[in-house]
Amino acid sequence: MEFEEIYKTYWDRIFRLCMGFVNDYDAAQDLAQETFIIVWQKLETFRNESSIGTWIFRIASNNCLRQIEKQKRFPKSELPVHLSEEKQTSLEPQIQFLYKCIAELPETDRIIISLELEDIKQIEIAKIVGLSEANVRVKIHRIKEKLTQKFKENGHR
């Protein structure tokens, strides 16, 4: 598969995965771009031991986890009072709320539910996160219950 084809095929899905991690449009764009830079640099080392999609999602997940670790070490300073933060307004309120809820989940749960939302097979999710398929299935069920509860608490349907 040529890089351009990979980029076109996976860009939206990788962006949404990153968005689920950081709940910030610009940061998600940056993380997705970084992911594809890594994919481009390492494409010749891909050995078809898993599907190309699994490989790319693993790179994206690791990239997002590295970013979260950096943020923990170097907390983001607040914007000066006279600058207002630009918010992504084109997303529907329910989708924005979903990203906010996902961003509040523990890191592994964020990866799992973001991949599930991209219709990645559970066996592939298990390979990406290094858990058994049964464990992934249980986690997905629990995460969906948590998210459903948050939506009910906040008056969303």
Protein backbone atom coordinates (compact mmCIF):
# COMPACT_ATOMS: atom_id res chain seq x y z
CA MET A 1 0.00 0.00 0.00
CA GLU A 2 1.38 3.43 -0.98
CA PHE A 3 1.72 6.08 1.72
CA GLU A 4 -0.77 8.43 0.02
CA GLU A 5 -3.38 5.67 -0.05
CA ILE A 6 -2.73 4.83 3.62
CA TYR A 7 -3.03 8.52 4.54
CA LYS A 8 -6.35 8.92 2.69
CA THR A 9 -7.72 5.67 4.09
CA TYR A 10 -6.79 6.21 7.73
CA TRP A 11 -6.58 9.99 8.32
CA ASP A 12 -10.16 10.51 9.59
CA ARG A 13 -10.06 7.46 11.85
CA ILE A 14 -6.67 8.37 13.34
CA PHE A 15 -7.81 11.97 13.87
CA ARG A 16 -10.92 10.77 15.76
CA LEU A 17 -8.77 8.43 17.85
CA CYS A 18 -6.51 11.35 18.79
CA MET A 19 -9.53 13.57 19.44
CA GLY A 20 -10.81 10.96 21.90
CA PHE A 21 -7.52 11.24 23.76
CA VAL A 22 -7.06 14.96 23.99
CA ASN A 23 -10.54 16.47 23.39
CA ASP A 24 -8.81 19.37 21.62
CA TYR A 25 -9.15 19.86 17.86
CA ASP A 26 -5.72 21.42 17.24
CA ALA A 27 -3.86 19.00 19.50
CA ALA A 28 -5.65 16.07 17.79
CA GLN A 29 -4.62 17.44 14.38
CA ASP A 30 -0.99 17.66 15.58
CA LEU A 31 -1.04 14.14 17.03
CA ALA A 32 -2.56 12.70 13.85
CA GLN A 33 0.08 14.48 11.74
CA GLU A 34 2.86 13.16 14.00
CA THR A 35 1.40 9.67 13.69
CA PHE A 36 1.54 9.82 9.89
CA ILE A 37 5.08 11.19 9.96
CA ILE A 38 6.07 8.11 11.99
CA VAL A 39 4.10 5.83 9.61
CA TRP A 40 5.87 7.41 6.63
CA GLN A 41 9.29 7.04 8.27
CA LYS A 42 8.71 3.42 9.30
CA LEU A 43 6.59 2.14 6.41
CA GLU A 44 9.45 0.11 4.93
CA THR A 45 9.91 -1.68 8.30
CA PHE A 46 6.26 -2.86 8.34
CA ARG A 47 6.38 -6.66 8.11
CA ASN A 48 2.72 -7.64 7.62
CA GLU A 49 2.69 -9.49 10.96
CA SER A 50 -0.58 -7.69 11.65
CA SER A 51 -2.86 -5.67 9.40
CA ILE A 52 -1.57 -2.27 8.33
CA GLY A 53 -4.52 -0.71 10.19
CA THR A 54 -3.59 -2.42 13.46
CA TRP A 55 -0.01 -1.23 13.03
CA ILE A 56 -1.10 2.38 12.37
CA PHE A 57 -3.55 2.42 15.30
CA ARG A 58 -0.79 1.08 17.58
CA ILE A 59 1.52 3.89 16.46
CA ALA A 60 -1.26 6.46 17.03
CA SER A 61 -2.11 5.05 20.47
CA ASN A 62 1.53 5.07 21.56
CA ASN A 63 1.93 8.61 20.23
CA CYS A 64 -1.14 9.78 22.21
CA LEU A 65 0.09 8.07 25.38
CA ARG A 66 3.49 9.77 25.01
CA GLN A 67 1.74 13.13 24.67
CA ILE A 68 -0.32 12.52 27.82
CA GLU A 69 2.85 11.59 29.74
CA LYS A 70 4.50 14.83 28.56
CA GLN A 71 1.48 16.84 29.72
CA LYS A 72 1.65 15.20 33.15
CA ARG A 73 5.32 16.15 33.47
CA PHE A 74 4.83 19.68 32.11
CA PRO A 75 1.35 20.91 33.02
CA LYS A 76 -0.12 23.25 30.46
CA SER A 77 -0.02 26.83 31.65
CA GLU A 78 -3.24 28.79 31.46
CA LEU A 79 -3.74 31.19 28.57
CA PRO A 80 -3.33 34.85 29.46
CA VAL A 81 -6.66 36.34 30.55
CA HIS A 82 -6.93 38.62 27.50
CA LEU A 83 -6.72 35.66 25.09
CA SER A 84 -9.77 33.48 24.67
CA GLU A 85 -9.29 29.85 23.76
CA GLU A 86 -10.70 28.98 20.35
CA LYS A 87 -13.15 26.11 20.65
CA GLN A 88 -14.14 23.76 17.86
CA THR A 89 -17.75 24.75 17.26
CA SER A 90 -18.64 22.65 14.24
CA LEU A 91 -19.04 19.48 16.29
CA GLU A 92 -22.54 18.69 17.51
CA PRO A 93 -22.96 19.25 21.27
CA GLN A 94 -23.53 15.52 21.89
CA ILE A 95 -20.33 14.61 20.00
CA GLN A 96 -18.39 17.28 21.91
CA PHE A 97 -19.78 15.87 25.16
CA LEU A 98 -18.80 12.35 24.09
CA TYR A 99 -15.19 13.46 23.41
CA LYS A 100 -15.14 15.22 26.78
CA CYS A 101 -16.33 12.04 28.54
CA ILE A 102 -13.84 9.86 26.66
CA ALA A 103 -11.01 12.25 27.55
CA GLU A 104 -11.87 11.77 31.24
CA LEU A 105 -11.46 7.97 31.05
CA PRO A 106 -8.25 6.18 32.10
CA GLU A 107 -5.72 6.00 29.25
CA THR A 108 -6.23 2.35 28.26
CA ASP A 109 -10.00 2.78 28.30
CA ARG A 110 -9.63 5.83 26.01
CA ILE A 111 -7.71 3.76 23.47
CA ILE A 112 -10.14 0.84 23.67
CA ILE A 113 -13.34 2.87 23.26
CA SER A 114 -11.84 5.09 20.56
CA LEU A 115 -10.84 2.01 18.56
CA GLU A 116 -14.27 0.43 19.19
CA LEU A 117 -15.92 3.60 17.85
CA GLU A 118 -13.82 3.21 14.71
CA ASP A 119 -15.29 -0.29 14.21
CA ILE A 120 -11.94 -1.99 14.79
CA LYS A 121 -12.51 -5.68 15.49
CA GLN A 122 -12.10 -6.60 19.16
CA ILE A 123 -9.36 -9.10 18.36
CA GLU A 124 -7.41 -6.25 16.69
CA ILE A 125 -8.05 -3.95 19.69
CA ALA A 126 -6.68 -6.71 21.93
CA LYS A 127 -3.48 -6.84 19.83
CA ILE A 128 -3.10 -3.04 19.87
CA VAL A 129 -3.48 -2.67 23.63
CA GLY A 130 -1.90 -6.00 24.63
CA LEU A 131 -4.89 -7.50 26.44
CA SER A 132 -6.89 -10.67 25.87
CA GLU A 133 -9.92 -10.42 23.62
CA ALA A 134 -12.18 -11.43 26.53
CA ASN A 135 -10.71 -8.67 28.71
CA VAL A 136 -11.25 -6.13 25.90
CA ARG A 137 -14.87 -7.26 25.52
CA VAL A 138 -15.51 -6.77 29.27
CA LYS A 139 -13.77 -3.37 29.26
CA ILE A 140 -15.82 -2.18 26.26
CA HIS A 141 -19.03 -3.18 28.03
CA ARG A 142 -18.02 -1.33 31.22
CA ILE A 143 -16.84 1.76 29.35
CA LYS A 144 -20.12 1.95 27.42
CA GLU A 145 -22.03 1.67 30.72
CA LYS A 146 -19.94 4.53 32.19
CA LEU A 147 -20.48 6.74 29.13
CA THR A 148 -24.21 5.97 29.04
CA GLN A 149 -24.46 6.93 32.72
CA LYS A 150 -22.66 10.24 32.10
CA PHE A 151 -25.02 11.04 29.24
CA LYS A 152 -28.07 10.30 31.43
CA GLU A 153 -26.68 12.43 34.29
CA ASN A 154 -26.21 15.35 31.91
CA GLY A 155 -29.63 15.11 30.28
CA HIS A 156 -28.38 13.77 26.94
CA ARG A 157 -30.23 10.93 25.25
